[in-house]
């Protein structure tokens, strides 16, 4: 997971029905949306084309420790500003030196936590996915749908990783599991909760573990749309 490559950081389930979807491109002319599109759109993906700038602070509280770093992202120009303590670095993702490349690993991690449902569209050509229509969510134990994606073995910061997304009939993510290198045992399980709407972009502000003092959360979020 992108998070675990930064400075911070099987399930045995009864499967009632399972199917594998044929992947389709985001610009497909099919009438019915794919499961990837349904989940992304439930989180505001169709609004993303209007976003000019997004600011957010990534935080992790674990036991008595606190970690945070802030970002300003201009997606149309791919310009990133990282603010960590008194240090500020601005770079463009189209042209990165070694310092920017290392910093960008943190950005990829934090952005993934922020809007992972959008990566179901952006990364669709880089992973395989399967859908289980009825499964038991690992934390709440509620019956939900489960989408599993497994990234390819080449490219990216953490190739070969797998994610299990759990969601209800509204397609909004409620829990997820990260499995490093597609191993059977989970590397991390957290909730997706406290969803808020920022100019049409739906963001889960809190990600908590069961029976642990842990919360990965976002604040200082600002989403600016095109004028």
C-alpha atoms as a PDB file:
ATOM      1  CA  UNK A   1       0.000   0.000   0.000  1.00  0.00           C
ATOM      2  CA  UNK A   2       1.240   3.462  -0.685  1.00  0.00           C
ATOM      3  CA  UNK A   3       0.878   4.275   3.005  1.00  0.00           C
ATOM      4  CA  UNK A   4       3.208   1.540   4.133  1.00  0.00           C
ATOM      5  CA  UNK A   5       6.002   2.739   1.834  1.00  0.00           C
ATOM      6  CA  UNK A   6       5.942   6.089   3.649  1.00  0.00           C
ATOM      7  CA  UNK A   7       7.403   6.813   7.079  1.00  0.00           C
ATOM      8  CA  UNK A   8       4.294   5.511   8.844  1.00  0.00           C
ATOM      9  CA  UNK A   9       3.197   2.898   8.150  1.00  0.00           C
ATOM     10  CA  UNK A  10      -7.691 -14.288   5.213  1.00  0.00           C
ATOM     11  CA  UNK A  11      -9.789 -13.304   5.716  1.00  0.00           C
ATOM     12  CA  UNK A  12     -11.791 -16.529   5.711  1.00  0.00           C
ATOM     13  CA  UNK A  13     -15.163 -15.484   4.384  1.00  0.00           C
ATOM     14  CA  UNK A  14     -18.247 -17.325   3.192  1.00  0.00           C
ATOM     15  CA  UNK A  15     -18.818 -16.410  -0.426  1.00  0.00           C
ATOM     16  CA  UNK A  16     -22.396 -16.612  -1.596  1.00  0.00           C
ATOM     17  CA  UNK A  17     -21.958 -15.382  -5.149  1.00  0.00           C
ATOM     18  CA  UNK A  18     -18.951 -14.301  -7.133  1.00  0.00           C
ATOM     19  CA  UNK A  19     -18.377 -12.997 -10.589  1.00  0.00           C
ATOM     20  CA  UNK A  20     -15.512 -11.504 -12.553  1.00  0.00           C
ATOM     21  CA  UNK A  21     -16.270  -8.447 -14.641  1.00  0.00           C
ATOM     22  CA  UNK A  22     -14.705  -7.719 -17.959  1.00  0.00           C
ATOM     23  CA  UNK A  23     -12.850  -4.436 -17.636  1.00  0.00           C
ATOM     24  CA  UNK A  24     -14.079  -1.508 -19.677  1.00  0.00           C
ATOM     25  CA  UNK A  25     -12.499   1.834 -20.307  1.00  0.00           C
ATOM     26  CA  UNK A  26     -13.946   4.954 -18.635  1.00  0.00           C
ATOM     27  CA  UNK A  27     -15.104   6.172 -22.057  1.00  0.00           C
ATOM     28  CA  UNK A  28     -17.008   2.990 -22.874  1.00  0.00           C
ATOM     29  CA  UNK A  29     -20.231   3.473 -24.803  1.00  0.00           C
ATOM     30  CA  UNK A  30     -22.017   0.765 -22.846  1.00  0.00           C
ATOM     31  CA  UNK A  31     -25.337   1.848 -21.339  1.00  0.00           C
ATOM     32  CA  UNK A  32     -24.803   0.242 -17.940  1.00  0.00           C
ATOM     33  CA  UNK A  33     -21.910   1.482 -15.851  1.00  0.00           C
ATOM     34  CA  UNK A  34     -19.259  -0.960 -14.676  1.00  0.00           C
ATOM     35  CA  UNK A  35     -18.836  -1.582 -10.958  1.00  0.00           C
ATOM     36  CA  UNK A  36     -15.670   0.529 -11.080  1.00  0.00           C
ATOM     37  CA  UNK A  37     -17.590   3.475 -12.513  1.00  0.00           C
ATOM     38  CA  UNK A  38     -20.454   3.073 -10.041  1.00  0.00           C
ATOM     39  CA  UNK A  39     -18.116   3.244  -7.058  1.00  0.00           C
ATOM     40  CA  UNK A  40     -16.077   6.141  -8.461  1.00  0.00           C
ATOM     41  CA  UNK A  41     -19.212   8.116  -9.355  1.00  0.00           C
ATOM     42  CA  UNK A  42     -20.717   7.518  -5.911  1.00  0.00           C
ATOM     43  CA  UNK A  43     -17.746   9.466  -4.564  1.00  0.00           C
ATOM     44  CA  UNK A  44     -18.055  12.332  -7.058  1.00  0.00           C
ATOM     45  CA  UNK A  45     -15.770  11.272  -9.886  1.00  0.00           C
ATOM     46  CA  UNK A  46     -17.922  12.998 -12.506  1.00  0.00           C
ATOM     47  CA  UNK A  47     -17.246  16.273 -10.682  1.00  0.00           C
ATOM     48  CA  UNK A  48     -13.461  15.782 -10.742  1.00  0.00           C
ATOM     49  CA  UNK A  49     -13.045  17.368 -14.190  1.00  0.00           C
ATOM     50  CA  UNK A  50     -14.140  20.670 -12.638  1.00  0.00           C
ATOM     51  CA  UNK A  51     -11.559  20.592  -9.830  1.00  0.00           C
ATOM     52  CA  UNK A  52      -8.833  23.204 -10.232  1.00  0.00           C
ATOM     53  CA  UNK A  53      -7.110  22.743  -6.873  1.00  0.00           C
ATOM     54  CA  UNK A  54      -7.463  20.549  -3.812  1.00  0.00           C
ATOM     55  CA  UNK A  55      -5.806  21.092  -0.430  1.00  0.00           C
ATOM     56  CA  UNK A  56      -5.755  18.576   2.412  1.00  0.00           C
ATOM     57  CA  UNK A  57      -3.844  17.507   5.497  1.00  0.00           C
ATOM     58  CA  UNK A  58      -3.107  13.819   6.009  1.00  0.00           C
ATOM     59  CA  UNK A  59      -2.968  12.814   9.696  1.00  0.00           C
ATOM     60  CA  UNK A  60      -2.300   9.625  11.622  1.00  0.00           C
ATOM     61  CA  UNK A  61      -2.958   9.269  15.353  1.00  0.00           C
ATOM     62  CA  UNK A  62      -1.553   6.040  16.733  1.00  0.00           C
ATOM     63  CA  UNK A  63      -1.527   5.459  20.501  1.00  0.00           C
ATOM     64  CA  UNK A  64       0.062   8.692  21.804  1.00  0.00           C
ATOM     65  CA  UNK A  65       1.818   9.743  18.572  1.00  0.00           C
ATOM     66  CA  UNK A  66       0.668  12.122  15.849  1.00  0.00           C
ATOM     67  CA  UNK A  67       1.919  12.508  12.280  1.00  0.00           C
ATOM     68  CA  UNK A  68       0.734  14.978   9.668  1.00  0.00           C
ATOM     69  CA  UNK A  69       1.663  16.566   6.356  1.00  0.00           C
ATOM     70  CA  UNK A  70      -0.266  18.899   4.096  1.00  0.00           C
ATOM     71  CA  UNK A  71      -0.625  19.063   0.335  1.00  0.00           C
ATOM     72  CA  UNK A  72      -1.780  21.507  -2.315  1.00  0.00           C
ATOM     73  CA  UNK A  73      -2.526  19.755  -5.597  1.00  0.00           C
ATOM     74  CA  UNK A  74      -3.361  21.380  -8.914  1.00  0.00           C
ATOM     75  CA  UNK A  75      -4.447  18.350 -10.976  1.00  0.00           C
ATOM     76  CA  UNK A  76      -4.747  20.160 -14.302  1.00  0.00           C
ATOM     77  CA  UNK A  77      -1.050  21.126 -14.253  1.00  0.00           C
ATOM     78  CA  UNK A  78       0.119  18.208 -12.044  1.00  0.00           C
ATOM     79  CA  UNK A  79       1.759  20.687  -9.663  1.00  0.00           C
ATOM     80  CA  UNK A  80       2.184  19.559  -6.056  1.00  0.00           C
ATOM     81  CA  UNK A  81       3.176  21.513  -2.957  1.00  0.00           C
ATOM     82  CA  UNK A  82       4.061  19.582   0.178  1.00  0.00           C
ATOM     83  CA  UNK A  83       4.014  21.330   3.547  1.00  0.00           C
ATOM     84  CA  UNK A  84       5.537  19.401   6.441  1.00  0.00           C
ATOM     85  CA  UNK A  85       6.419  21.395   9.523  1.00  0.00           C
ATOM     86  CA  UNK A  86       8.413  24.417   8.365  1.00  0.00           C
ATOM     87  CA  UNK A  87       9.463  22.722   5.116  1.00  0.00           C
ATOM     88  CA  UNK A  88       7.710  23.422   1.810  1.00  0.00           C
ATOM     89  CA  UNK A  89       8.477  21.822  -1.537  1.00  0.00           C
ATOM     90  CA  UNK A  90       6.755  22.477  -4.870  1.00  0.00           C
ATOM     91  CA  UNK A  91       7.307  20.212  -7.866  1.00  0.00           C
ATOM     92  CA  UNK A  92       5.658  19.079 -11.066  1.00  0.00           C
ATOM     93  CA  UNK A  93       4.959  15.366 -11.446  1.00  0.00           C
ATOM     94  CA  UNK A  94       5.858  15.502 -15.145  1.00  0.00           C
ATOM     95  CA  UNK A  95       9.470  16.390 -14.302  1.00  0.00           C
ATOM     96  CA  UNK A  96      10.789  15.138 -10.959  1.00  0.00           C
ATOM     97  CA  UNK A  97      14.316  15.005  -9.560  1.00  0.00           C
ATOM     98  CA  UNK A  98      15.300  12.462  -6.901  1.00  0.00           C
ATOM     99  CA  UNK A  99      14.007  14.622  -4.042  1.00  0.00           C
ATOM    100  CA  UNK A 100      10.665  15.197  -5.736  1.00  0.00           C
ATOM    101  CA  UNK A 101      10.382  11.503  -6.609  1.00  0.00           C
ATOM    102  CA  UNK A 102      10.830  10.533  -2.958  1.00  0.00           C
ATOM    103  CA  UNK A 103       8.354  13.204  -1.848  1.00  0.00           C
ATOM    104  CA  UNK A 104       5.883  12.068  -4.480  1.00  0.00           C
ATOM    105  CA  UNK A 105       5.752   8.601  -2.910  1.00  0.00           C
ATOM    106  CA  UNK A 106       4.203  10.246   0.149  1.00  0.00           C
ATOM    107  CA  UNK A 107       1.780  12.177  -2.032  1.00  0.00           C
ATOM    108  CA  UNK A 108       0.690   9.035  -3.876  1.00  0.00           C
ATOM    109  CA  UNK A 109       0.055   7.340  -0.549  1.00  0.00           C
ATOM    110  CA  UNK A 110      -1.908  10.225   0.962  1.00  0.00           C
ATOM    111  CA  UNK A 111      -3.898  10.922  -2.204  1.00  0.00           C
ATOM    112  CA  UNK A 112      -4.799   7.238  -2.467  1.00  0.00           C
ATOM    113  CA  UNK A 113      -6.299   7.274   1.014  1.00  0.00           C
ATOM    114  CA  UNK A 114      -8.132  10.495   0.140  1.00  0.00           C
ATOM    115  CA  UNK A 115      -9.756   9.474  -3.155  1.00  0.00           C
ATOM    116  CA  UNK A 116      -8.997   5.790  -3.738  1.00  0.00           C
ATOM    117  CA  UNK A 117     -12.376   5.275  -5.495  1.00  0.00           C
ATOM    118  CA  UNK A 118     -11.153   7.546  -8.309  1.00  0.00           C
ATOM    119  CA  UNK A 119      -8.142   5.299  -8.820  1.00  0.00           C
ATOM    120  CA  UNK A 120     -10.573   2.560  -9.806  1.00  0.00           C
ATOM    121  CA  UNK A 121     -10.916   4.558 -13.034  1.00  0.00           C
ATOM    122  CA  UNK A 122      -7.419   5.999 -13.332  1.00  0.00           C
ATOM    123  CA  UNK A 123      -5.672   2.673 -12.674  1.00  0.00           C
ATOM    124  CA  UNK A 124      -8.171   0.371 -14.401  1.00  0.00           C
ATOM    125  CA  UNK A 125      -5.666  -0.793 -17.004  1.00  0.00           C
ATOM    126  CA  UNK A 126      -3.142  -1.722 -14.288  1.00  0.00           C
ATOM    127  CA  UNK A 127      -5.151  -4.156 -12.158  1.00  0.00           C
ATOM    128  CA  UNK A 128      -7.477  -7.148 -12.329  1.00  0.00           C
ATOM    129  CA  UNK A 129     -10.710  -7.036 -10.371  1.00  0.00           C
ATOM    130  CA  UNK A 130     -13.424  -9.365  -9.097  1.00  0.00           C
ATOM    131  CA  UNK A 131     -16.767  -8.693  -7.436  1.00  0.00           C
ATOM    132  CA  UNK A 132     -18.411 -10.716  -4.673  1.00  0.00           C
ATOM    133  CA  UNK A 133     -22.013  -9.601  -4.304  1.00  0.00           C
ATOM    134  CA  UNK A 134     -22.578 -10.810  -0.724  1.00  0.00           C
ATOM    135  CA  UNK A 135     -19.780 -11.030   1.811  1.00  0.00           C
ATOM    136  CA  UNK A 136     -19.128 -10.260   5.454  1.00  0.00           C
ATOM    137  CA  UNK A 137     -17.280  -6.984   6.062  1.00  0.00           C
ATOM    138  CA  UNK A 138     -14.242  -7.580   8.295  1.00  0.00           C
ATOM    139  CA  UNK A 139     -14.976  -4.937  10.963  1.00  0.00           C
ATOM    140  CA  UNK A 140     -18.739  -4.406  11.093  1.00  0.00           C
ATOM    141  CA  UNK A 141     -19.562  -7.988   9.997  1.00  0.00           C
ATOM    142  CA  UNK A 142     -22.377  -6.526   7.909  1.00  0.00           C
ATOM    143  CA  UNK A 143     -23.217  -8.161   4.608  1.00  0.00           C
ATOM    144  CA  UNK A 144     -21.833  -5.993   1.818  1.00  0.00           C
ATOM    145  CA  UNK A 145     -20.510  -6.239  -1.698  1.00  0.00           C
ATOM    146  CA  UNK A 146     -16.760  -6.740  -2.005  1.00  0.00           C
ATOM    147  CA  UNK A 147     -14.607  -5.508  -4.870  1.00  0.00           C
ATOM    148  CA  UNK A 148     -11.084  -6.920  -4.969  1.00  0.00           C
ATOM    149  CA  UNK A 149      -8.397  -5.327  -7.122  1.00  0.00           C
ATOM    150  CA  UNK A 150      -4.913  -6.751  -7.646  1.00  0.00           C
ATOM    151  CA  UNK A 151      -2.291  -4.504  -9.215  1.00  0.00           C
ATOM    152  CA  UNK A 152       0.151  -5.792 -11.814  1.00  0.00           C
ATOM    153  CA  UNK A 153       3.683  -6.777 -10.893  1.00  0.00           C
ATOM    154  CA  UNK A 154       5.342  -3.952 -12.839  1.00  0.00           C
ATOM    155  CA  UNK A 155       5.427  -0.211 -12.253  1.00  0.00           C
ATOM    156  CA  UNK A 156       4.194   2.014  -9.454  1.00  0.00           C
ATOM    157  CA  UNK A 157       5.539   2.368  -5.936  1.00  0.00           C
ATOM    158  CA  UNK A 158       4.113  -0.910  -4.593  1.00  0.00           C
ATOM    159  CA  UNK A 159       3.449  -3.316  -7.475  1.00  0.00           C
ATOM    160  CA  UNK A 160       1.421  -6.462  -6.903  1.00  0.00           C
ATOM    161  CA  UNK A 161      -0.595  -5.133  -3.961  1.00  0.00           C
ATOM    162  CA  UNK A 162      -4.258  -6.033  -3.457  1.00  0.00           C
ATOM    163  CA  UNK A 163      -7.208  -4.151  -1.978  1.00  0.00           C
ATOM    164  CA  UNK A 164     -10.644  -5.368  -0.898  1.00  0.00           C
ATOM    165  CA  UNK A 165     -13.311  -2.630  -0.912  1.00  0.00           C
ATOM    166  CA  UNK A 166     -16.563  -3.202   1.008  1.00  0.00           C
ATOM    167  CA  UNK A 167     -19.668  -1.162   0.166  1.00  0.00           C
ATOM    168  CA  UNK A 168     -23.458  -1.206   0.234  1.00  0.00           C
ATOM    169  CA  UNK A 169     -26.173  -0.535  -2.310  1.00  0.00           C
ATOM    170  CA  UNK A 170     -25.119   3.126  -2.545  1.00  0.00           C
ATOM    171  CA  UNK A 171     -21.599   2.068  -3.683  1.00  0.00           C
ATOM    172  CA  UNK A 172     -19.957   4.264  -1.013  1.00  0.00           C
ATOM    173  CA  UNK A 173     -16.911   2.547   0.539  1.00  0.00           C
ATOM    174  CA  UNK A 174     -17.411   1.578   4.202  1.00  0.00           C
ATOM    175  CA  UNK A 175     -14.364  -0.623   4.923  1.00  0.00           C
ATOM    176  CA  UNK A 176     -11.306  -1.882   3.143  1.00  0.00           C
ATOM    177  CA  UNK A 177      -8.468  -4.374   3.448  1.00  0.00           C
ATOM    178  CA  UNK A 178      -4.937  -3.885   2.144  1.00  0.00           C
ATOM    179  CA  UNK A 179      -2.944  -7.028   1.334  1.00  0.00           C
ATOM    180  CA  UNK A 180       0.692  -6.417   0.517  1.00  0.00           C
ATOM    181  CA  UNK A 181       1.895  -8.344  -2.559  1.00  0.00           C
ATOM    182  CA  UNK A 182      -1.550  -9.987  -2.758  1.00  0.00           C
ATOM    183  CA  UNK A 183      -0.841 -12.156   0.260  1.00  0.00           C
ATOM    184  CA  UNK A 184      -3.778 -13.936   1.875  1.00  0.00           C
ATOM    185  CA  UNK A 185      -3.335 -12.362   5.310  1.00  0.00           C
ATOM    186  CA  UNK A 186      -4.400  -8.682   5.590  1.00  0.00           C
ATOM    187  CA  UNK A 187      -1.700  -6.085   6.117  1.00  0.00           C
ATOM    188  CA  UNK A 188      -4.216  -3.477   7.284  1.00  0.00           C
ATOM    189  CA  UNK A 189      -7.980  -3.264   7.789  1.00  0.00           C
ATOM    190  CA  UNK A 190      -9.744   0.059   8.420  1.00  0.00           C
ATOM    191  CA  UNK A 191     -13.118   1.699   8.206  1.00  0.00           C
ATOM    192  CA  UNK A 192     -14.127   4.417   5.773  1.00  0.00           C
ATOM    193  CA  UNK A 193     -16.389   6.724   7.771  1.00  0.00           C
ATOM    194  CA  UNK A 194     -17.528  10.289   8.367  1.00  0.00           C
ATOM    195  CA  UNK A 195     -18.082  11.008   4.674  1.00  0.00           C
ATOM    196  CA  UNK A 196     -18.344  14.694   3.757  1.00  0.00           C
ATOM    197  CA  UNK A 197     -19.174  16.496   0.512  1.00  0.00           C
ATOM    198  CA  UNK A 198     -16.643  19.039  -0.763  1.00  0.00           C
ATOM    199  CA  UNK A 199     -18.067  20.696  -3.870  1.00  0.00           C
ATOM    200  CA  UNK A 200     -19.343  17.334  -5.057  1.00  0.00           C
ATOM    201  CA  UNK A 201     -16.261  15.308  -4.072  1.00  0.00           C
ATOM    202  CA  UNK A 202     -17.219  12.796  -1.352  1.00  0.00           C
ATOM    203  CA  UNK A 203     -14.380  12.111   1.087  1.00  0.00           C
ATOM    204  CA  UNK A 204     -14.243   9.749   4.080  1.00  0.00           C
ATOM    205  CA  UNK A 205     -12.560  11.808   6.773  1.00  0.00           C
ATOM    206  CA  UNK A 206     -11.779   8.948   9.182  1.00  0.00           C
ATOM    207  CA  UNK A 207     -10.196   5.514   8.810  1.00  0.00           C
ATOM    208  CA  UNK A 208     -10.102   3.531  12.048  1.00  0.00           C
ATOM    209  CA  UNK A 209      -8.934   0.092  13.108  1.00  0.00           C
ATOM    210  CA  UNK A 210     -10.914  -2.291  15.259  1.00  0.00           C
ATOM    211  CA  UNK A 211      -9.839  -2.445  18.915  1.00  0.00           C
ATOM    212  CA  UNK A 212      -6.773  -0.257  18.333  1.00  0.00           C
ATOM    213  CA  UNK A 213      -5.989   3.355  19.162  1.00  0.00           C
ATOM    214  CA  UNK A 214      -5.556   4.371  15.540  1.00  0.00           C
ATOM    215  CA  UNK A 215      -7.166   6.937  13.293  1.00  0.00           C
ATOM    216  CA  UNK A 216      -5.956   8.000   9.882  1.00  0.00           C
ATOM    217  CA  UNK A 217      -7.884  11.154   9.094  1.00  0.00           C
ATOM    218  CA  UNK A 218      -8.078  14.236   6.911  1.00  0.00           C
ATOM    219  CA  UNK A 219      -8.712  17.867   7.754  1.00  0.00           C
ATOM    220  CA  UNK A 220      -8.121  21.326   6.253  1.00  0.00           C
ATOM    221  CA  UNK A 221      -9.774  20.112   3.048  1.00  0.00           C
ATOM    222  CA  UNK A 222     -10.544  22.690   0.367  1.00  0.00           C
ATOM    223  CA  UNK A 223     -11.745  21.836  -3.121  1.00  0.00           C
ATOM    224  CA  UNK A 224     -11.664  24.689  -5.642  1.00  0.00           C
ATOM    225  CA  UNK A 225     -13.622  24.350  -8.862  1.00  0.00           C
ATOM    226  CA  UNK A 226     -13.008  26.079 -12.170  1.00  0.00           C
ATOM    227  CA  UNK A 227     -14.380  29.599 -12.286  1.00  0.00           C
END
